[in-house]
N, C-alpha and C. Protein backbone atom coordinates (compact mmCIF):
# COMPACT_ATOMS: atom_id res chain seq x y z
N MET A 1 11.15 -13.46 -23.36
CA MET A 1 12.39 -13.52 -24.09
C MET A 1 13.37 -14.36 -23.24
N ARG A 2 14.02 -15.28 -23.87
CA ARG A 2 14.93 -16.19 -23.18
C ARG A 2 16.16 -15.44 -22.65
N LYS A 3 16.55 -15.76 -21.42
CA LYS A 3 17.74 -15.18 -20.81
C LYS A 3 18.99 -15.77 -21.46
N LEU A 4 20.11 -15.10 -21.30
CA LEU A 4 21.38 -15.56 -21.85
C LEU A 4 22.04 -16.56 -20.90
N SER A 5 22.76 -17.51 -21.48
CA SER A 5 23.55 -18.45 -20.69
C SER A 5 24.98 -18.40 -21.20
N ARG A 6 25.89 -19.07 -20.52
CA ARG A 6 27.29 -19.09 -20.95
C ARG A 6 27.42 -19.63 -22.38
N GLN A 7 26.55 -20.57 -22.75
CA GLN A 7 26.62 -21.16 -24.09
C GLN A 7 26.27 -20.16 -25.19
N ASP A 8 25.60 -19.07 -24.84
CA ASP A 8 25.23 -18.04 -25.82
C ASP A 8 26.36 -17.05 -26.08
N LEU A 9 27.38 -17.09 -25.25
CA LEU A 9 28.45 -16.10 -25.33
C LEU A 9 29.64 -16.62 -26.12
N PHE A 10 30.38 -15.69 -26.69
CA PHE A 10 31.59 -16.02 -27.43
C PHE A 10 32.78 -15.98 -26.48
N GLY A 11 33.74 -16.89 -26.67
CA GLY A 11 34.98 -16.84 -25.91
C GLY A 11 35.76 -15.59 -26.27
N LEU A 12 36.71 -15.21 -25.43
CA LEU A 12 37.46 -13.97 -25.64
C LEU A 12 38.18 -13.94 -26.99
N GLU A 13 38.81 -15.03 -27.38
CA GLU A 13 39.53 -15.07 -28.65
C GLU A 13 38.58 -14.96 -29.83
N GLN A 14 37.50 -15.73 -29.78
CA GLN A 14 36.51 -15.68 -30.86
C GLN A 14 35.88 -14.30 -30.95
N TYR A 15 35.56 -13.71 -29.80
CA TYR A 15 34.95 -12.38 -29.79
C TYR A 15 35.91 -11.33 -30.36
N ALA A 16 37.19 -11.45 -30.04
CA ALA A 16 38.18 -10.50 -30.56
C ALA A 16 38.19 -10.51 -32.08
N GLU A 17 38.06 -11.70 -32.66
CA GLU A 17 38.08 -11.82 -34.12
C GLU A 17 36.83 -11.26 -34.78
N MET A 18 35.70 -11.36 -34.11
CA MET A 18 34.44 -10.95 -34.73
C MET A 18 33.86 -9.66 -34.17
N ARG A 19 34.57 -9.03 -33.24
CA ARG A 19 34.03 -7.89 -32.51
C ARG A 19 33.56 -6.75 -33.41
N ALA A 20 34.34 -6.35 -34.38
CA ALA A 20 33.97 -5.22 -35.23
C ALA A 20 32.66 -5.49 -35.97
N ALA A 21 32.54 -6.66 -36.54
CA ALA A 21 31.31 -7.00 -37.28
C ALA A 21 30.12 -7.11 -36.34
N PHE A 22 30.32 -7.72 -35.17
CA PHE A 22 29.24 -7.86 -34.20
C PHE A 22 28.80 -6.50 -33.69
N ARG A 23 29.77 -5.63 -33.42
CA ARG A 23 29.45 -4.28 -32.95
C ARG A 23 28.63 -3.52 -33.99
N ASP A 24 29.02 -3.59 -35.26
CA ASP A 24 28.27 -2.93 -36.33
C ASP A 24 26.84 -3.44 -36.38
N GLU A 25 26.68 -4.74 -36.27
CA GLU A 25 25.36 -5.36 -36.29
C GLU A 25 24.51 -4.87 -35.11
N VAL A 26 25.10 -4.82 -33.93
CA VAL A 26 24.37 -4.39 -32.74
C VAL A 26 24.01 -2.90 -32.83
N MET A 27 24.92 -2.08 -33.32
CA MET A 27 24.63 -0.64 -33.44
C MET A 27 23.46 -0.40 -34.39
N LYS A 28 23.39 -1.14 -35.47
CA LYS A 28 22.25 -1.02 -36.39
C LYS A 28 20.97 -1.47 -35.68
N HIS A 29 21.07 -2.55 -34.93
CA HIS A 29 19.92 -3.08 -34.17
C HIS A 29 19.44 -2.05 -33.14
N LYS A 30 20.36 -1.37 -32.48
CA LYS A 30 20.01 -0.41 -31.43
C LYS A 30 19.39 0.87 -31.99
N ARG A 31 19.68 1.19 -33.24
CA ARG A 31 19.24 2.45 -33.82
C ARG A 31 17.72 2.65 -33.67
N ASP A 32 16.95 1.61 -33.90
CA ASP A 32 15.50 1.72 -33.79
C ASP A 32 14.98 1.34 -32.41
N ARG A 33 15.86 1.24 -31.44
CA ARG A 33 15.47 0.88 -30.08
C ARG A 33 15.75 2.03 -29.11
N GLN A 34 16.02 3.23 -29.66
CA GLN A 34 16.33 4.38 -28.82
C GLN A 34 15.34 5.49 -29.08
N PHE A 35 15.05 6.22 -28.02
CA PHE A 35 14.09 7.31 -28.12
C PHE A 35 14.49 8.40 -27.14
N SER A 36 14.52 9.62 -27.61
CA SER A 36 14.86 10.75 -26.73
C SER A 36 13.61 11.47 -26.28
N ILE A 37 13.56 11.68 -24.98
CA ILE A 37 12.52 12.52 -24.39
C ILE A 37 13.17 13.88 -24.22
N GLY A 38 13.01 14.69 -25.23
CA GLY A 38 13.67 15.99 -25.22
C GLY A 38 15.14 15.88 -25.53
N GLU A 39 15.86 16.91 -25.18
CA GLU A 39 17.27 17.02 -25.54
C GLU A 39 18.21 16.24 -24.63
N HIS A 40 17.77 15.93 -23.40
CA HIS A 40 18.73 15.41 -22.42
C HIS A 40 18.41 14.05 -21.81
N VAL A 41 17.29 13.45 -22.15
CA VAL A 41 16.94 12.13 -21.60
C VAL A 41 16.72 11.17 -22.76
N ARG A 42 17.47 10.06 -22.73
CA ARG A 42 17.34 9.06 -23.79
C ARG A 42 17.01 7.71 -23.18
N LEU A 43 16.03 7.04 -23.78
CA LEU A 43 15.69 5.68 -23.40
C LEU A 43 16.25 4.73 -24.44
N CYS A 44 16.99 3.73 -23.98
CA CYS A 44 17.52 2.68 -24.85
C CYS A 44 16.82 1.39 -24.45
N PHE A 45 15.90 0.93 -25.28
CA PHE A 45 15.14 -0.27 -24.97
C PHE A 45 16.03 -1.48 -25.18
N GLU A 46 16.19 -2.25 -24.12
CA GLU A 46 17.09 -3.39 -24.13
C GLU A 46 16.39 -4.65 -24.60
N ASP A 47 17.17 -5.57 -25.14
CA ASP A 47 16.68 -6.90 -25.49
C ASP A 47 17.86 -7.86 -25.40
N ARG A 48 17.65 -9.06 -25.82
CA ARG A 48 18.68 -10.09 -25.70
C ARG A 48 19.96 -9.70 -26.46
N THR A 49 19.82 -9.12 -27.62
CA THR A 49 20.97 -8.72 -28.43
C THR A 49 21.77 -7.60 -27.77
N THR A 50 21.09 -6.57 -27.29
CA THR A 50 21.80 -5.45 -26.68
C THR A 50 22.50 -5.88 -25.39
N ILE A 51 21.88 -6.77 -24.65
CA ILE A 51 22.48 -7.24 -23.40
C ILE A 51 23.64 -8.19 -23.68
N GLN A 52 23.51 -9.01 -24.71
CA GLN A 52 24.65 -9.88 -25.06
C GLN A 52 25.86 -9.01 -25.41
N TYR A 53 25.63 -7.97 -26.17
CA TYR A 53 26.74 -7.07 -26.53
C TYR A 53 27.37 -6.47 -25.27
N GLN A 54 26.54 -6.01 -24.34
CA GLN A 54 27.05 -5.41 -23.11
C GLN A 54 27.90 -6.42 -22.32
N ILE A 55 27.40 -7.65 -22.21
CA ILE A 55 28.15 -8.68 -21.48
C ILE A 55 29.45 -8.99 -22.20
N GLN A 56 29.39 -9.16 -23.52
CA GLN A 56 30.61 -9.48 -24.28
C GLN A 56 31.66 -8.39 -24.08
N GLU A 57 31.23 -7.13 -24.07
CA GLU A 57 32.17 -6.04 -23.88
C GLU A 57 32.76 -6.05 -22.47
N MET A 58 31.94 -6.35 -21.47
CA MET A 58 32.45 -6.43 -20.10
C MET A 58 33.47 -7.56 -19.97
N LEU A 59 33.16 -8.71 -20.56
CA LEU A 59 34.10 -9.83 -20.50
C LEU A 59 35.42 -9.46 -21.17
N ARG A 60 35.33 -8.76 -22.30
CA ARG A 60 36.53 -8.35 -23.03
C ARG A 60 37.35 -7.35 -22.22
N ILE A 61 36.70 -6.31 -21.72
CA ILE A 61 37.41 -5.25 -21.00
C ILE A 61 38.05 -5.79 -19.73
N GLU A 62 37.30 -6.61 -19.01
CA GLU A 62 37.78 -7.13 -17.73
C GLU A 62 38.61 -8.42 -17.88
N ARG A 63 38.72 -8.92 -19.11
CA ARG A 63 39.45 -10.16 -19.38
C ARG A 63 38.90 -11.31 -18.54
N ILE A 64 37.59 -11.43 -18.55
CA ILE A 64 36.91 -12.46 -17.76
C ILE A 64 36.77 -13.72 -18.60
N PHE A 65 37.25 -14.83 -18.08
CA PHE A 65 37.12 -16.10 -18.79
C PHE A 65 36.76 -17.25 -17.86
N GLU A 66 36.77 -17.03 -16.56
CA GLU A 66 36.44 -18.09 -15.62
C GLU A 66 34.93 -18.22 -15.50
N ALA A 67 34.46 -19.46 -15.39
CA ALA A 67 33.02 -19.76 -15.39
C ALA A 67 32.27 -18.98 -14.31
N ALA A 68 32.78 -18.94 -13.11
CA ALA A 68 32.07 -18.27 -12.01
C ALA A 68 31.93 -16.77 -12.27
N ALA A 69 32.98 -16.16 -12.79
CA ALA A 69 32.93 -14.72 -13.08
C ALA A 69 31.98 -14.42 -14.25
N ILE A 70 31.94 -15.30 -15.22
CA ILE A 70 31.00 -15.14 -16.34
C ILE A 70 29.57 -15.24 -15.81
N GLU A 71 29.32 -16.18 -14.93
CA GLU A 71 27.98 -16.33 -14.33
C GLU A 71 27.59 -15.08 -13.56
N GLU A 72 28.54 -14.43 -12.90
CA GLU A 72 28.26 -13.17 -12.19
C GLU A 72 27.79 -12.10 -13.17
N GLU A 73 28.46 -11.99 -14.30
CA GLU A 73 28.05 -11.01 -15.31
C GLU A 73 26.66 -11.33 -15.84
N LEU A 74 26.40 -12.60 -16.11
CA LEU A 74 25.07 -13.00 -16.57
C LEU A 74 24.01 -12.66 -15.52
N SER A 75 24.30 -12.90 -14.27
CA SER A 75 23.35 -12.58 -13.20
C SER A 75 23.09 -11.08 -13.09
N ALA A 76 24.11 -10.29 -13.35
CA ALA A 76 23.96 -8.84 -13.28
C ALA A 76 23.16 -8.28 -14.44
N TYR A 77 23.35 -8.83 -15.65
CA TYR A 77 22.75 -8.24 -16.85
C TYR A 77 21.48 -8.93 -17.33
N ASN A 78 21.28 -10.20 -17.04
CA ASN A 78 20.07 -10.89 -17.50
C ASN A 78 18.77 -10.23 -17.04
N PRO A 79 18.72 -9.62 -15.85
CA PRO A 79 17.48 -8.95 -15.45
C PRO A 79 17.07 -7.79 -16.38
N LEU A 80 17.98 -7.32 -17.23
CA LEU A 80 17.66 -6.23 -18.15
C LEU A 80 17.02 -6.72 -19.45
N ILE A 81 16.87 -8.02 -19.60
CA ILE A 81 16.21 -8.59 -20.78
C ILE A 81 14.72 -8.64 -20.49
N PRO A 82 13.88 -8.07 -21.38
CA PRO A 82 12.44 -8.08 -21.14
C PRO A 82 11.87 -9.49 -21.09
N GLU A 83 10.76 -9.61 -20.36
CA GLU A 83 10.09 -10.91 -20.27
C GLU A 83 8.60 -10.66 -20.11
N GLY A 84 7.82 -11.52 -20.72
CA GLY A 84 6.38 -11.39 -20.60
C GLY A 84 5.86 -10.15 -21.29
N ARG A 85 5.16 -9.33 -20.56
CA ARG A 85 4.53 -8.14 -21.10
C ARG A 85 5.22 -6.86 -20.67
N ASN A 86 6.55 -6.93 -20.49
CA ASN A 86 7.23 -5.71 -20.09
C ASN A 86 8.28 -5.29 -21.11
N LEU A 87 8.65 -4.05 -21.00
CA LEU A 87 9.76 -3.48 -21.76
C LEU A 87 10.78 -3.01 -20.74
N LYS A 88 12.05 -3.15 -21.07
CA LYS A 88 13.09 -2.69 -20.16
C LYS A 88 13.97 -1.71 -20.92
N ALA A 89 14.34 -0.65 -20.24
CA ALA A 89 15.12 0.40 -20.88
C ALA A 89 16.19 0.92 -19.95
N THR A 90 17.31 1.31 -20.55
CA THR A 90 18.32 2.07 -19.84
C THR A 90 18.02 3.52 -20.14
N MET A 91 17.90 4.32 -19.08
CA MET A 91 17.65 5.76 -19.24
C MET A 91 18.95 6.50 -19.00
N LEU A 92 19.34 7.32 -19.97
CA LEU A 92 20.57 8.10 -19.88
C LEU A 92 20.22 9.58 -19.80
N ILE A 93 20.79 10.25 -18.82
CA ILE A 93 20.65 11.70 -18.71
C ILE A 93 21.94 12.27 -19.29
N GLU A 94 21.81 13.02 -20.41
CA GLU A 94 22.97 13.39 -21.20
C GLU A 94 23.14 14.91 -21.31
N TYR A 95 24.25 15.37 -20.78
CA TYR A 95 24.68 16.76 -20.92
C TYR A 95 26.16 16.71 -21.26
N VAL A 96 26.57 17.38 -22.31
CA VAL A 96 27.96 17.35 -22.75
C VAL A 96 28.85 18.08 -21.75
N ASP A 97 28.45 19.26 -21.35
CA ASP A 97 29.24 20.08 -20.44
C ASP A 97 29.19 19.50 -19.02
N VAL A 98 30.35 19.30 -18.42
CA VAL A 98 30.45 18.68 -17.11
C VAL A 98 29.71 19.47 -16.03
N GLU A 99 29.88 20.77 -16.01
CA GLU A 99 29.22 21.60 -14.99
C GLU A 99 27.71 21.63 -15.19
N GLU A 100 27.29 21.71 -16.44
CA GLU A 100 25.86 21.69 -16.74
C GLU A 100 25.26 20.35 -16.32
N ARG A 101 25.99 19.25 -16.56
CA ARG A 101 25.52 17.92 -16.16
C ARG A 101 25.41 17.83 -14.63
N ARG A 102 26.42 18.31 -13.93
CA ARG A 102 26.39 18.27 -12.46
C ARG A 102 25.17 19.01 -11.93
N ALA A 103 24.92 20.20 -12.45
CA ALA A 103 23.76 20.99 -12.01
C ALA A 103 22.45 20.29 -12.37
N ALA A 104 22.39 19.69 -13.55
CA ALA A 104 21.17 18.99 -13.98
C ALA A 104 20.89 17.78 -13.10
N LEU A 105 21.92 17.01 -12.76
CA LEU A 105 21.72 15.83 -11.92
C LEU A 105 21.25 16.22 -10.52
N GLU A 106 21.62 17.39 -10.07
CA GLU A 106 21.09 17.90 -8.79
C GLU A 106 19.64 18.34 -8.94
N ARG A 107 19.34 18.96 -10.05
CA ARG A 107 17.98 19.48 -10.31
C ARG A 107 16.98 18.36 -10.60
N LEU A 108 17.46 17.24 -11.17
CA LEU A 108 16.58 16.18 -11.64
C LEU A 108 16.46 14.99 -10.68
N VAL A 109 16.67 15.22 -9.40
CA VAL A 109 16.54 14.14 -8.42
C VAL A 109 15.17 13.49 -8.55
N ARG A 110 15.16 12.17 -8.62
CA ARG A 110 13.97 11.31 -8.71
C ARG A 110 13.27 11.38 -10.07
N ILE A 111 13.93 11.90 -11.09
CA ILE A 111 13.31 11.92 -12.43
C ILE A 111 12.94 10.52 -12.88
N GLU A 112 13.73 9.52 -12.49
CA GLU A 112 13.47 8.14 -12.90
C GLU A 112 12.09 7.66 -12.46
N ASP A 113 11.54 8.25 -11.40
CA ASP A 113 10.21 7.86 -10.92
C ASP A 113 9.08 8.57 -11.65
N THR A 114 9.42 9.47 -12.57
CA THR A 114 8.40 10.23 -13.28
C THR A 114 8.31 9.88 -14.77
N ILE A 115 9.10 8.89 -15.21
CA ILE A 115 9.11 8.51 -16.62
C ILE A 115 7.97 7.54 -16.89
N TRP A 116 7.27 7.76 -17.98
CA TRP A 116 6.13 6.92 -18.32
C TRP A 116 6.09 6.62 -19.81
N LEU A 117 5.33 5.59 -20.12
CA LEU A 117 5.05 5.17 -21.49
C LEU A 117 3.53 5.10 -21.60
N ALA A 118 2.98 5.57 -22.70
CA ALA A 118 1.53 5.54 -22.86
C ALA A 118 1.16 4.91 -24.19
N VAL A 119 0.18 4.03 -24.15
CA VAL A 119 -0.41 3.45 -25.36
C VAL A 119 -1.75 4.14 -25.49
N ASP A 120 -1.88 4.96 -26.53
CA ASP A 120 -2.98 5.91 -26.65
C ASP A 120 -2.87 6.83 -25.43
N ASP A 121 -3.85 6.85 -24.56
CA ASP A 121 -3.75 7.69 -23.36
C ASP A 121 -3.59 6.86 -22.09
N ASP A 122 -3.35 5.57 -22.24
CA ASP A 122 -3.25 4.66 -21.11
C ASP A 122 -1.78 4.59 -20.66
N ARG A 123 -1.46 5.30 -19.58
CA ARG A 123 -0.08 5.45 -19.12
C ARG A 123 0.38 4.33 -18.19
N VAL A 124 1.67 4.01 -18.31
CA VAL A 124 2.35 3.09 -17.41
C VAL A 124 3.60 3.81 -16.91
N THR A 125 3.67 4.03 -15.62
CA THR A 125 4.85 4.66 -15.04
C THR A 125 5.93 3.60 -14.85
N ALA A 126 7.15 3.95 -15.16
CA ALA A 126 8.27 3.01 -15.07
C ALA A 126 8.54 2.63 -13.62
N VAL A 127 8.93 1.38 -13.44
CA VAL A 127 9.50 0.92 -12.18
C VAL A 127 11.00 1.12 -12.36
N ALA A 128 11.61 1.90 -11.48
CA ALA A 128 13.01 2.29 -11.68
C ALA A 128 13.96 1.56 -10.73
N ASN A 129 15.11 1.20 -11.27
CA ASN A 129 16.25 0.74 -10.48
C ASN A 129 15.89 -0.34 -9.46
N GLU A 130 15.39 -1.44 -9.95
CA GLU A 130 14.99 -2.52 -9.05
C GLU A 130 16.18 -3.15 -8.34
N ASP A 131 17.37 -3.02 -8.91
CA ASP A 131 18.55 -3.62 -8.28
C ASP A 131 19.10 -2.76 -7.15
N MET A 132 19.06 -1.43 -7.30
CA MET A 132 19.50 -0.52 -6.24
C MET A 132 19.07 0.90 -6.58
N ASP A 133 18.90 1.70 -5.54
CA ASP A 133 18.51 3.09 -5.73
C ASP A 133 19.69 3.88 -6.29
N ARG A 134 19.45 4.66 -7.32
CA ARG A 134 20.52 5.42 -7.94
C ARG A 134 20.37 6.93 -7.73
N SER A 135 19.43 7.31 -6.89
CA SER A 135 19.28 8.72 -6.54
C SER A 135 19.61 8.91 -5.07
N ARG A 136 20.25 10.02 -4.80
CA ARG A 136 20.46 10.42 -3.42
C ARG A 136 19.56 11.62 -3.16
N GLU A 137 19.58 12.09 -1.96
CA GLU A 137 18.73 13.22 -1.58
C GLU A 137 18.98 14.46 -2.42
N ASN A 138 20.24 14.67 -2.82
CA ASN A 138 20.60 15.90 -3.51
C ASN A 138 21.11 15.71 -4.94
N LYS A 139 21.06 14.46 -5.44
CA LYS A 139 21.59 14.22 -6.78
C LYS A 139 21.08 12.88 -7.31
N THR A 140 20.79 12.85 -8.61
CA THR A 140 20.44 11.58 -9.25
C THR A 140 21.63 11.09 -10.07
N ALA A 141 21.58 9.85 -10.49
CA ALA A 141 22.63 9.29 -11.34
C ALA A 141 22.32 9.62 -12.80
N ALA A 142 23.33 9.52 -13.64
CA ALA A 142 23.15 9.78 -15.07
C ALA A 142 22.58 8.57 -15.80
N VAL A 143 22.58 7.39 -15.14
CA VAL A 143 22.06 6.17 -15.75
C VAL A 143 21.08 5.50 -14.79
N HIS A 144 19.93 5.11 -15.34
CA HIS A 144 18.90 4.41 -14.57
C HIS A 144 18.37 3.25 -15.41
N PHE A 145 17.84 2.24 -14.73
CA PHE A 145 17.27 1.08 -15.41
C PHE A 145 15.77 1.03 -15.12
N LEU A 146 14.97 0.99 -16.19
CA LEU A 146 13.52 1.10 -16.08
C LEU A 146 12.82 -0.15 -16.60
N ARG A 147 11.67 -0.43 -15.99
CA ARG A 147 10.80 -1.52 -16.47
C ARG A 147 9.40 -0.94 -16.62
N PHE A 148 8.80 -1.17 -17.80
CA PHE A 148 7.42 -0.76 -18.07
C PHE A 148 6.58 -2.02 -18.17
N GLU A 149 5.66 -2.20 -17.26
CA GLU A 149 4.82 -3.41 -17.22
C GLU A 149 3.50 -3.08 -17.93
N LEU A 150 3.26 -3.73 -19.07
CA LEU A 150 2.09 -3.43 -19.90
C LEU A 150 1.03 -4.52 -19.79
N SER A 151 -0.20 -4.15 -20.07
CA SER A 151 -1.29 -5.12 -20.07
C SER A 151 -1.38 -5.80 -21.44
N ASP A 152 -2.11 -6.90 -21.49
CA ASP A 152 -2.33 -7.58 -22.78
C ASP A 152 -3.00 -6.64 -23.77
N GLU A 153 -3.91 -5.81 -23.28
CA GLU A 153 -4.63 -4.87 -24.14
C GLU A 153 -3.67 -3.82 -24.71
N GLN A 154 -2.77 -3.33 -23.89
CA GLN A 154 -1.80 -2.34 -24.37
C GLN A 154 -0.86 -2.95 -25.42
N VAL A 155 -0.42 -4.17 -25.17
CA VAL A 155 0.45 -4.84 -26.14
C VAL A 155 -0.29 -5.02 -27.47
N ALA A 156 -1.53 -5.48 -27.40
CA ALA A 156 -2.32 -5.67 -28.62
C ALA A 156 -2.51 -4.34 -29.36
N ALA A 157 -2.76 -3.27 -28.62
CA ALA A 157 -2.94 -1.95 -29.24
C ALA A 157 -1.65 -1.46 -29.88
N MET A 158 -0.51 -1.71 -29.22
CA MET A 158 0.77 -1.31 -29.81
C MET A 158 0.99 -2.04 -31.12
N ARG A 159 0.73 -3.34 -31.11
CA ARG A 159 0.92 -4.15 -32.33
C ARG A 159 -0.03 -3.70 -33.43
N ALA A 160 -1.19 -3.17 -33.06
CA ALA A 160 -2.17 -2.73 -34.05
C ALA A 160 -1.88 -1.33 -34.58
N GLY A 161 -0.85 -0.68 -34.03
CA GLY A 161 -0.47 0.63 -34.54
C GLY A 161 -1.00 1.82 -33.77
N THR A 162 -1.54 1.58 -32.59
CA THR A 162 -2.01 2.69 -31.75
C THR A 162 -0.85 3.59 -31.38
N ARG A 163 -1.12 4.86 -31.24
CA ARG A 163 -0.09 5.84 -30.88
C ARG A 163 0.55 5.47 -29.54
N VAL A 164 1.89 5.51 -29.51
CA VAL A 164 2.65 5.26 -28.29
C VAL A 164 3.49 6.50 -28.02
N SER A 165 3.47 6.95 -26.78
CA SER A 165 4.26 8.12 -26.40
C SER A 165 5.01 7.84 -25.11
N ALA A 166 5.94 8.69 -24.83
CA ALA A 166 6.70 8.58 -23.58
C ALA A 166 6.95 9.99 -23.08
N GLY A 167 7.17 10.08 -21.77
CA GLY A 167 7.40 11.40 -21.23
C GLY A 167 7.90 11.37 -19.81
N SER A 168 8.04 12.57 -19.29
CA SER A 168 8.48 12.79 -17.92
C SER A 168 7.54 13.80 -17.28
N ASP A 169 7.15 13.51 -16.05
CA ASP A 169 6.33 14.45 -15.28
C ASP A 169 7.15 15.16 -14.21
N HIS A 170 8.47 15.08 -14.30
CA HIS A 170 9.33 15.74 -13.32
C HIS A 170 9.14 17.25 -13.43
N HIS A 171 9.03 17.92 -12.30
CA HIS A 171 8.76 19.36 -12.30
C HIS A 171 9.81 20.16 -13.07
N ALA A 172 11.04 19.66 -13.17
CA ALA A 172 12.10 20.38 -13.88
C ALA A 172 12.34 19.84 -15.29
N TYR A 173 11.56 18.84 -15.70
CA TYR A 173 11.76 18.24 -17.03
C TYR A 173 10.44 17.60 -17.46
N ARG A 174 9.47 18.43 -17.78
CA ARG A 174 8.13 17.96 -18.13
C ARG A 174 7.97 17.94 -19.65
N LEU A 175 7.91 16.73 -20.21
CA LEU A 175 7.80 16.57 -21.67
C LEU A 175 6.99 15.34 -22.01
N GLU A 176 6.40 15.37 -23.21
CA GLU A 176 5.72 14.20 -23.77
C GLU A 176 5.96 14.20 -25.27
N LEU A 177 6.39 13.04 -25.80
CA LEU A 177 6.65 12.93 -27.23
C LEU A 177 6.18 11.57 -27.73
N GLY A 178 5.72 11.53 -28.97
CA GLY A 178 5.32 10.27 -29.58
C GLY A 178 6.52 9.49 -30.07
N LEU A 179 6.49 8.16 -29.87
CA LEU A 179 7.58 7.31 -30.35
C LEU A 179 7.43 7.12 -31.86
N PRO A 180 8.52 7.16 -32.60
CA PRO A 180 8.46 6.89 -34.04
C PRO A 180 7.99 5.46 -34.29
N ALA A 181 7.34 5.25 -35.42
CA ALA A 181 6.82 3.92 -35.77
C ALA A 181 7.91 2.86 -35.77
N ALA A 182 9.11 3.20 -36.22
CA ALA A 182 10.21 2.22 -36.27
C ALA A 182 10.58 1.74 -34.86
N VAL A 183 10.53 2.62 -33.88
CA VAL A 183 10.83 2.25 -32.50
C VAL A 183 9.73 1.33 -31.96
N VAL A 184 8.49 1.69 -32.22
CA VAL A 184 7.36 0.86 -31.75
C VAL A 184 7.44 -0.53 -32.37
N THR A 185 7.71 -0.60 -33.65
CA THR A 185 7.85 -1.90 -34.33
C THR A 185 8.96 -2.72 -33.69
N ALA A 186 10.09 -2.10 -33.43
CA ALA A 186 11.23 -2.82 -32.84
C ALA A 186 10.92 -3.32 -31.45
N ILE A 187 10.32 -2.50 -30.60
CA ILE A 187 10.09 -2.93 -29.22
C ILE A 187 8.91 -3.90 -29.11
N CYS A 188 8.01 -3.90 -30.07
CA CYS A 188 6.92 -4.89 -30.06
C CYS A 188 7.46 -6.30 -30.19
N LYS A 189 8.63 -6.46 -30.78
CA LYS A 189 9.23 -7.79 -30.90
C LYS A 189 9.62 -8.35 -29.54
N ASP A 190 9.76 -7.48 -28.55
CA ASP A 190 10.14 -7.93 -27.21
C ASP A 190 9.03 -8.73 -26.53
N PHE A 191 7.83 -8.65 -27.04
CA PHE A 191 6.71 -9.39 -26.45
C PHE A 191 6.59 -10.80 -27.00
N ASP A 192 7.36 -11.15 -28.03
CA ASP A 192 7.28 -12.48 -28.64
C ASP A 192 7.99 -13.52 -27.80
């Protein structure tokens, strides 16, 4: 999948005018790119569209318009766009209650290293946080960035409709669930 460049982005004024429509379009696009592993862990599979939206929002919030600063944002976010035979996902650990979340983040240290994707029974464990470690000895972060590196055979099987599942082998959060067909269809486009 092609990385984003400055030419792919909207200027601040243009983005302000089209933001509501673009946001609606991206939210619809994201709907079939998300999957929950149980009640508290959600994977959001990223692609060029989701990352463009993230960059556009950062530029808007930070009022970034200088070329060098825009390039910094592109350098930070472009690695989240899948390439080749991989899928990239943002993993969110979600607890509404602040105290419950604090306790869970302490309990779930290194959960990011236990997340996997399986095509039939052929598992691929995620490579987590390649940019920096987001877990400390006594606490993990609520957001992690994952990469699933798949084989040509796994990609072909996914496209053919083979069962795809995801899960966690963390001792405090052990789950496995099948991905809905709509999610598999959406993420298979990332291999084109």
